[in-house]
Amino acid sequence: MRTRGYSGTFAVGIALIALAALLATAGSASSKADGWRAVDLGTLGGKVAYWSSAVAINAHGDVIGNSSNRSGTRTRAFIWRGGRLIPLGTLGGGSSSANALNDRGQVVGSAETRPGKTHAFLWEKGQMRDLGVPPGTDMSEAVRITNRGLVVGVAGRANVLPYHEHLVVWRRHGSIRDLGTPWSSPEAVAQGGAATFVGGVNEHGEIVGSTVPDHVGERSFLWDGRSLRSLPPRSARSEALDANASGRVIGWTYRESNFRAVTWERGQMRLLPLPPGRKGAFTSAINDEGEIVGYGWANREVDNHAVLWRIGTVIDLGTLGGTQSEAEAINNRRQIVGTSETASDSEAPVWHAFLWHDGRMVDLGSGYPVAINDRGQIIGNSGPYGGHARVWLPN
């Protein structure tokens, strides 16, 4: 399923992600990855030969990502298909960044134009097309794309204050619809504007995300195809991260001095149960069956444990022998990927990638998974802040 991935900044650069982990139910055993092999995707070489990061994978095993120079000032988008790393090019400038792809092999992201502006792009059949910007803006970024070809992103004006990012959709016939600025208010304008983050879009065209007005904190929104509305609670911080095929939305809110994992259904927010002994929790991903993964903690960033929510219950998935784990993604076969500390005699924790399936956590070795498709193909990166993109393939 889709991983958490959103934008809202127009700096085109490599986003190397440090991610999560997951394990089986308490008392279940872990095992080594006999059935998976890791493939290093390398880089595009040349001026962007230092780092690479995997971003997303589709149902057919196409992988998109970005290759960067050492400083991260130049980035180029790529697609890995048929064992080949293929550059997607730019819109005439020096950099491009891939954000999402669909099962038709269409890729969206942002790229520099020859005059140095950042515009949203759609890449398909070997060609990158400039999606343009809505009237009154001069910068845009495509963040998500559905299998029907609906593209979702943000747009705004560079170097203009107060800065407001608009939620934007591009339709298959090329039209642009500006949906406005979620949570815009006189207070936000007075305090310097607001950034907009796209969490996800489902095949019905329902879009979720959050806006961050300066000095206010995150506020979640939903576009249902007809209107843009806020999600409760209006008076507290929250972030909507994704929506599945049935319109169930996942995210978090902040209440009673802690973060809590939540879902929204038909506009109503519901707190997800905490694992025993835990005080807070985050969600990471949801599949089309409504199963949710994330992690909970008693003391955040010290004892995080990966969790699975399903059918109204919560399961603490444990670790690979160490203290912490975090779940990152789940597919429709209830296969879960993430990262976990392992049992180690060294002073610094040793983190490994894992796959949980059939009630067992499989140690995939070093690496940081990002996503898994329904064929069990996993993408991720060799390090939390750098390294190379990689794919774990079932043997």
Protein backbone atom coordinates (compact mmCIF):
# COMPACT_ATOMS: atom_id res chain seq x y z
CA MET A 1 0.00 0.00 0.00
CA ARG A 2 0.90 3.64 -0.17
CA THR A 3 3.35 4.96 2.34
CA ARG A 4 3.08 8.23 4.07
CA GLY A 5 4.37 10.73 1.59
CA TYR A 6 3.44 14.32 1.28
CA SER A 7 4.88 17.52 0.05
CA GLY A 8 4.27 21.20 0.40
CA THR A 9 7.78 22.51 -0.02
CA PHE A 10 9.02 23.59 -3.41
CA ALA A 11 12.69 22.82 -2.80
CA VAL A 12 13.44 20.08 -5.32
CA GLY A 13 15.82 17.75 -3.53
CA ILE A 14 16.27 14.22 -2.41
CA ALA A 15 14.05 13.12 0.45
CA LEU A 16 15.85 10.27 2.10
CA ILE A 17 13.52 8.64 4.57
CA ALA A 18 14.28 6.97 7.80
CA LEU A 19 11.48 4.57 8.46
CA ALA A 20 9.85 1.99 10.55
CA ALA A 21 9.49 -1.55 11.76
CA LEU A 22 7.16 -4.32 12.74
CA LEU A 23 6.92 -7.76 14.33
CA ALA A 24 4.52 -10.55 15.07
CA THR A 25 2.29 -10.90 18.09
CA ALA A 26 3.82 -11.23 21.54
CA GLY A 27 5.73 -14.45 21.90
CA SER A 28 6.02 -15.22 18.18
CA ALA A 29 9.41 -16.04 16.73
CA SER A 30 11.52 -14.17 14.19
CA SER A 31 13.52 -15.72 11.38
CA LYS A 32 16.08 -14.83 8.75
CA ALA A 33 15.06 -13.79 5.24
CA ASP A 34 15.58 -17.05 3.37
CA GLY A 35 12.92 -16.17 0.78
CA TRP A 36 13.94 -12.61 -0.15
CA ARG A 37 16.94 -11.12 -1.90
CA ALA A 38 18.02 -7.48 -1.76
CA VAL A 39 18.87 -5.62 -4.98
CA ASP A 40 20.88 -2.38 -4.80
CA LEU A 41 19.49 0.07 -7.39
CA GLY A 42 22.60 2.24 -7.39
CA THR A 43 22.43 5.82 -8.71
CA LEU A 44 22.01 7.57 -12.05
CA GLY A 45 25.72 8.40 -12.08
CA GLY A 46 27.27 11.60 -13.40
CA LYS A 47 26.45 14.70 -11.36
CA VAL A 48 23.84 12.84 -9.28
CA ALA A 49 25.89 9.80 -8.33
CA TYR A 50 26.20 10.05 -4.56
CA TRP A 51 22.81 9.13 -3.05
CA SER A 52 19.62 7.48 -4.21
CA SER A 53 16.29 6.90 -2.47
CA ALA A 54 13.27 4.77 -3.33
CA VAL A 55 9.91 6.53 -3.07
CA ALA A 56 7.10 4.26 -4.30
CA ILE A 57 6.32 0.94 -6.02
CA ASN A 58 3.29 -0.03 -8.09
CA ALA A 59 1.45 -3.32 -8.57
CA HIS A 60 3.76 -4.38 -11.41
CA GLY A 61 7.01 -3.79 -9.52
CA ASP A 62 7.95 -0.47 -11.14
CA VAL A 63 9.91 1.60 -8.61
CA ILE A 64 10.40 5.37 -8.61
CA GLY A 65 12.99 7.32 -6.70
CA ASN A 66 15.55 10.07 -6.83
CA SER A 67 19.31 10.23 -7.33
CA SER A 68 21.31 13.10 -5.82
CA ASN A 69 24.74 14.66 -5.57
CA ARG A 70 26.62 14.73 -2.28
CA SER A 71 25.18 18.07 -1.13
CA GLY A 72 21.63 17.31 -2.27
CA THR A 73 21.55 20.46 -4.40
CA ARG A 74 20.98 18.52 -7.63
CA THR A 75 18.43 15.72 -7.83
CA ARG A 76 17.14 13.63 -10.73
CA ALA A 77 14.04 11.44 -10.73
CA PHE A 78 14.21 7.85 -12.00
CA ILE A 79 12.09 4.79 -12.59
CA TRP A 80 13.44 1.26 -12.11
CA ARG A 81 11.75 -1.05 -14.58
CA GLY A 82 12.83 -4.41 -15.97
CA GLY A 83 16.07 -4.26 -13.99
CA ARG A 84 17.06 -0.89 -15.52
CA LEU A 85 17.38 2.50 -13.83
CA ILE A 86 15.83 5.00 -16.27
CA PRO A 87 16.22 8.79 -15.79
CA LEU A 88 13.01 10.80 -16.15
CA GLY A 89 14.74 14.03 -17.14
CA THR A 90 13.72 17.58 -16.18
CA LEU A 91 11.59 20.43 -17.55
CA GLY A 92 14.68 22.21 -18.85
CA GLY A 93 16.31 23.00 -15.51
CA GLY A 94 18.83 21.13 -13.40
CA SER A 95 16.70 19.01 -11.05
CA SER A 96 13.60 16.85 -10.80
CA SER A 97 12.00 14.86 -8.00
CA ALA A 98 9.55 11.95 -8.28
CA ASN A 99 6.76 11.72 -5.70
CA ALA A 100 4.26 9.06 -6.83
CA LEU A 101 3.29 6.61 -9.58
CA ASN A 102 0.22 4.59 -10.49
CA ASP A 103 -0.31 1.09 -11.86
CA ARG A 104 -0.30 2.45 -15.43
CA GLY A 105 3.33 3.52 -14.98
CA GLN A 106 2.58 7.25 -14.89
CA VAL A 107 4.89 9.21 -12.58
CA VAL A 108 4.31 12.63 -11.02
CA GLY A 109 6.54 15.02 -9.15
CA SER A 110 8.18 18.40 -9.60
CA ALA A 111 11.01 19.66 -11.77
CA GLU A 112 12.86 22.85 -12.53
CA THR A 113 12.02 24.71 -15.71
CA ARG A 114 14.58 26.51 -17.83
CA PRO A 115 13.80 29.88 -16.14
CA GLY A 116 14.36 28.24 -12.74
CA LYS A 117 10.75 27.83 -11.60
CA THR A 118 9.44 24.60 -10.07
CA HIS A 119 6.48 23.03 -11.88
CA ALA A 120 4.51 19.84 -11.43
CA PHE A 121 5.18 17.17 -14.04
CA LEU A 122 3.57 14.02 -15.41
CA TRP A 123 5.91 11.43 -16.95
CA GLU A 124 4.61 8.64 -19.17
CA LYS A 125 5.88 6.67 -22.16
CA GLY A 126 9.32 8.21 -21.85
CA GLN A 127 8.14 11.84 -21.91
CA MET A 128 7.94 14.43 -19.12
CA ARG A 129 5.08 16.92 -19.47
CA ASP A 130 4.80 20.25 -17.66
CA LEU A 131 1.44 20.32 -15.82
CA GLY A 132 1.65 24.08 -15.34
CA VAL A 133 0.33 26.25 -12.53
CA PRO A 134 -3.09 27.68 -11.66
CA PRO A 135 -3.78 31.40 -12.32
CA GLY A 136 -2.22 33.62 -9.67
CA THR A 137 0.57 31.17 -8.82
CA ASP A 138 3.99 30.50 -10.30
CA MET A 139 5.10 27.25 -8.61
CA SER A 140 3.49 23.83 -8.35
CA GLU A 141 4.23 20.27 -7.28
CA ALA A 142 2.37 17.03 -8.04
CA VAL A 143 2.26 14.74 -5.02
CA ARG A 144 -0.20 11.89 -5.77
CA ILE A 145 -1.78 10.21 -8.81
CA THR A 146 -4.65 7.72 -9.00
CA ASN A 147 -4.95 4.84 -11.45
CA ARG A 148 -7.59 6.91 -13.24
CA GLY A 149 -5.03 9.63 -13.87
CA LEU A 150 -6.22 12.22 -11.34
CA VAL A 151 -3.18 14.18 -10.14
CA VAL A 152 -3.15 15.97 -6.78
CA GLY A 153 -0.65 18.52 -5.56
CA VAL A 154 -0.04 22.03 -4.30
CA ALA A 155 0.65 25.42 -5.86
CA GLY A 156 1.66 28.87 -4.65
CA ARG A 157 3.78 31.90 -5.33
CA ALA A 158 7.52 31.84 -4.71
CA ASN A 159 9.13 34.56 -2.61
CA VAL A 160 5.78 36.21 -1.83
CA LEU A 161 4.66 36.71 1.77
CA PRO A 162 2.38 35.81 3.41
CA TYR A 163 2.79 32.48 1.67
CA HIS A 164 -0.22 30.27 1.00
CA GLU A 165 -0.16 26.89 -0.72
CA HIS A 166 -3.32 25.91 -2.56
CA LEU A 167 -4.63 22.38 -2.98
CA VAL A 168 -4.71 21.63 -6.72
CA VAL A 169 -5.94 18.81 -8.98
CA TRP A 170 -4.98 18.17 -12.59
CA ARG A 171 -7.42 16.09 -14.64
CA ARG A 172 -6.61 13.71 -17.50
CA HIS A 173 -7.65 16.19 -20.19
CA GLY A 174 -5.15 18.72 -18.86
CA SER A 175 -7.41 21.10 -16.92
CA ILE A 176 -6.26 22.53 -13.57
CA ARG A 177 -8.65 23.06 -10.69
CA ASP A 178 -7.55 25.20 -7.77
CA LEU A 179 -9.34 23.93 -4.65
CA GLY A 180 -8.09 26.79 -2.50
CA THR A 181 -6.25 26.96 0.77
CA PRO A 182 -7.54 24.65 3.49
CA TRP A 183 -7.94 26.32 6.88
CA SER A 184 -7.24 29.79 5.44
CA SER A 185 -8.23 32.50 7.87
CA PRO A 186 -7.46 36.15 8.62
CA GLU A 187 -5.34 34.95 11.53
CA ALA A 188 -3.23 32.73 9.27
CA VAL A 189 -2.73 35.56 6.79
CA ALA A 190 -1.71 37.96 9.54
CA GLN A 191 0.75 35.45 10.95
CA GLY A 192 2.49 34.68 7.67
CA GLY A 193 0.51 32.14 5.65
CA ALA A 194 0.19 28.38 5.70
CA ALA A 195 1.81 25.29 4.19
CA THR A 196 -0.40 22.56 2.72
CA PHE A 197 0.50 18.86 2.84
CA VAL A 198 -1.21 16.19 0.74
CA GLY A 199 -1.55 12.95 2.69
CA GLY A 200 -3.28 10.73 0.15
CA VAL A 201 -5.98 10.31 -2.49
CA ASN A 202 -8.10 7.22 -3.18
CA GLU A 203 -9.62 6.02 -6.46
CA HIS A 204 -12.86 7.88 -5.70
CA GLY A 205 -10.94 11.16 -5.78
CA GLU A 206 -11.20 11.78 -2.03
CA ILE A 207 -8.17 13.79 -0.92
CA VAL A 208 -6.88 14.12 2.64
CA GLY A 209 -4.07 16.13 4.13
CA SER A 210 -3.24 18.92 6.50
CA THR A 211 -2.54 22.62 6.53
CA VAL A 212 -0.07 24.20 8.90
CA PRO A 213 -0.90 27.87 9.56
CA ASP A 214 2.03 29.66 11.12
CA HIS A 215 2.01 29.54 14.93
CA VAL A 216 -1.16 27.42 14.98
CA GLY A 217 -0.19 23.80 14.30
CA GLU A 218 -1.45 21.13 11.92
CA ARG A 219 -5.14 21.04 10.93
CA SER A 220 -6.60 18.20 8.82
CA PHE A 221 -8.87 18.49 5.78
CA LEU A 222 -10.88 16.33 3.38
CA TRP A 223 -11.90 17.01 -0.22
CA ASP A 224 -14.82 14.70 -1.02
CA GLY A 225 -15.10 15.62 -4.70
CA ARG A 226 -17.59 18.40 -4.03
CA SER A 227 -16.31 20.51 -1.16
CA LEU A 228 -13.21 21.08 0.93
CA ARG A 229 -13.90 20.78 4.64
CA SER A 230 -11.98 20.53 7.88
CA LEU A 231 -11.80 17.34 9.89
CA PRO A 232 -12.33 17.39 13.66
CA PRO A 233 -11.06 18.44 16.09
CA ARG A 234 -10.94 22.08 14.96
CA SER A 235 -9.38 23.22 18.25
CA ALA A 236 -6.48 20.73 18.39
CA ARG A 237 -3.59 19.65 16.20
CA SER A 238 -4.19 16.77 13.80
CA GLU A 239 -2.78 15.32 10.58
CA ALA A 240 -4.67 13.19 8.05
CA LEU A 241 -2.18 10.83 6.39
CA ASP A 242 -4.10 8.64 3.94
CA ALA A 243 -7.50 7.29 2.87
CA ASN A 244 -8.26 3.75 1.70
CA ALA A 245 -10.67 2.62 -1.01
CA SER A 246 -13.70 2.80 1.28
CA GLY A 247 -12.87 6.34 2.43
CA ARG A 248 -11.52 5.48 5.87
CA VAL A 249 -8.92 8.09 6.82
CA ILE A 250 -5.99 7.57 9.18
CA GLY A 251 -3.85 10.06 11.05
CA TRP A 252 -3.13 11.44 14.47
CA THR A 253 -4.26 14.13 16.87
CA TYR A 254 -2.66 15.74 19.90
CA ARG A 255 -4.59 15.63 23.14
CA GLU A 256 -3.84 15.47 26.86
CA SER A 257 -0.14 16.15 26.21
CA ASN A 258 0.32 13.16 23.90
CA PHE A 259 -0.13 12.05 20.30
CA ARG A 260 -2.94 9.60 19.59
CA ALA A 261 -3.61 7.47 16.51
CA VAL A 262 -7.03 8.18 14.99
CA THR A 263 -9.33 7.38 12.10
CA TRP A 264 -12.03 9.51 10.50
CA GLU A 265 -15.13 7.92 8.98
CA ARG A 266 -18.00 9.98 7.54
CA GLY A 267 -16.33 13.05 9.01
CA GLN A 268 -16.25 11.69 12.56
CA MET A 269 -12.97 11.12 14.41
CA ARG A 270 -12.36 8.00 16.49
CA LEU A 271 -9.38 7.31 18.75
CA LEU A 272 -7.67 4.00 18.06
CA PRO A 273 -7.02 1.88 21.15
CA LEU A 274 -3.59 2.00 22.74
CA PRO A 275 -1.55 -1.16 23.26
CA PRO A 276 -1.24 -2.18 26.92
CA GLY A 277 1.19 0.05 28.77
CA ARG A 278 1.42 2.62 25.96
CA LYS A 279 0.57 6.33 26.31
CA GLY A 280 0.68 7.50 22.70
CA ALA A 281 0.65 6.22 19.14
CA PHE A 282 1.01 7.16 15.47
CA THR A 283 -0.50 5.55 12.39
CA SER A 284 1.65 4.91 9.30
CA ALA A 285 -0.46 3.13 6.67
CA ILE A 286 -3.83 1.53 5.94
CA ASN A 287 -4.83 -1.19 3.45
CA ASP A 288 -8.12 -1.62 1.61
CA GLU A 289 -9.34 -4.05 4.29
CA GLY A 290 -9.13 -1.26 6.88
CA GLU A 291 -6.12 -2.80 8.67
CA ILE A 292 -3.81 -0.12 10.05
CA VAL A 293 -0.17 -0.18 11.13
CA GLY A 294 1.91 2.25 13.11
CA TYR A 295 3.63 2.34 16.48
CA GLY A 296 2.93 3.16 20.10
CA TRP A 297 5.06 4.12 23.05
CA ALA A 298 5.21 4.69 26.78
CA ASN A 299 8.25 6.95 26.41
CA ARG A 300 8.46 8.23 22.84
CA GLU A 301 11.70 7.59 20.89
CA VAL A 302 12.87 5.29 23.68
CA ASP A 303 10.48 2.34 23.62
CA ASN A 304 8.45 2.57 20.38
CA HIS A 305 6.74 -0.71 19.46
CA ALA A 306 5.17 -1.54 16.09
CA VAL A 307 1.45 -2.20 16.24
CA LEU A 308 -1.37 -3.51 14.06
CA TRP A 309 -4.98 -2.37 14.41
CA ARG A 310 -7.62 -4.68 12.95
CA ILE A 311 -11.30 -5.38 13.65
CA GLY A 312 -11.33 -3.04 16.64
CA THR A 313 -8.32 -4.61 18.35
CA VAL A 314 -4.68 -3.56 18.70
CA ILE A 315 -1.72 -5.95 18.61
CA ASP A 316 1.73 -5.04 19.92
CA LEU A 317 4.10 -6.61 17.39
CA GLY A 318 7.21 -6.54 19.53
CA THR A 319 10.75 -6.22 18.16
CA LEU A 320 13.55 -8.23 16.56
CA GLY A 321 15.13 -8.64 19.97
CA GLY A 322 15.97 -5.02 20.68
CA THR A 323 14.08 -2.25 22.43
CA GLN A 324 12.21 -0.51 19.60
CA SER A 325 10.36 -1.15 16.35
CA GLU A 326 8.16 0.88 13.99
CA ALA A 327 5.75 -0.34 11.30
CA GLU A 328 5.81 1.57 8.03
CA ALA A 329 3.57 -0.09 5.43
CA ILE A 330 1.00 -2.86 4.92
CA ASN A 331 -0.37 -4.45 1.74
CA ASN A 332 -3.73 -6.10 1.08
CA ARG A 333 -2.28 -9.51 2.01
CA ARG A 334 -1.54 -8.27 5.55
CA GLN A 335 2.20 -8.30 4.94
CA ILE A 336 3.84 -5.57 7.01
CA VAL A 337 7.26 -3.97 6.67
CA GLY A 338 9.28 -1.70 8.91
CA THR A 339 12.43 -1.52 11.00
CA SER A 340 13.40 -2.86 14.40
CA GLU A 341 16.30 -2.83 16.78
CA THR A 342 17.98 -6.21 16.98
CA ALA A 343 19.59 -7.92 19.92
CA SER A 344 23.12 -6.51 19.90
CA ASP A 345 26.08 -6.28 22.26
CA SER A 346 27.19 -2.95 20.77
CA GLU A 347 26.45 0.35 22.53
CA ALA A 348 24.66 1.79 19.48
CA PRO A 349 21.36 0.09 18.54
CA VAL A 350 21.49 -2.02 15.37
CA TRP A 351 18.39 -1.58 13.21
CA HIS A 352 17.24 -4.11 10.62
CA ALA A 353 14.45 -4.16 8.08
CA PHE A 354 11.71 -6.69 8.64
CA LEU A 355 8.74 -8.26 6.92
CA TRP A 356 5.89 -9.69 8.98
CA HIS A 357 3.74 -12.31 7.30
CA ASP A 358 1.97 -15.54 8.26
CA GLY A 359 2.32 -14.60 11.93
CA ARG A 360 6.12 -14.40 11.79
CA MET A 361 8.63 -11.56 11.61
CA VAL A 362 11.32 -12.09 8.99
CA ASP A 363 14.64 -10.28 9.45
CA LEU A 364 15.55 -8.73 6.07
CA GLY A 365 18.95 -7.52 7.24
CA SER A 366 20.14 -3.93 7.07
CA GLY A 367 17.93 -1.35 5.42
CA TYR A 368 14.90 0.88 5.88
CA PRO A 369 11.70 -0.25 4.07
CA VAL A 370 9.35 2.32 2.58
CA ALA A 371 6.55 0.34 0.90
CA ILE A 372 5.33 -3.12 -0.13
CA ASN A 373 3.04 -4.07 -3.00
CA ASP A 374 0.58 -6.97 -3.13
CA ARG A 375 3.18 -9.20 -4.82
CA GLY A 376 5.36 -8.92 -1.71
CA GLN A 377 7.98 -6.75 -3.41
CA ILE A 378 9.49 -4.30 -0.93
CA ILE A 379 11.32 -1.03 -1.53
CA GLY A 380 13.46 1.00 0.82
CA ASN A 381 16.89 2.48 1.37
CA SER A 382 20.20 1.23 2.69
CA GLY A 383 20.46 3.95 5.33
CA PRO A 384 18.13 6.25 7.26
CA TYR A 385 19.56 9.49 5.84
CA GLY A 386 21.58 8.37 2.84
CA GLY A 387 22.89 5.45 0.88
CA HIS A 388 21.23 3.69 -2.04
CA ALA A 389 17.71 2.74 -2.99
CA ARG A 390 17.04 -0.98 -2.81
CA VAL A 391 14.40 -3.57 -3.57
CA TRP A 392 13.73 -6.80 -1.68
CA LEU A 393 12.33 -9.40 -4.09
CA PRO A 394 10.73 -12.73 -3.15
CA ASN A 395 12.81 -15.66 -4.44
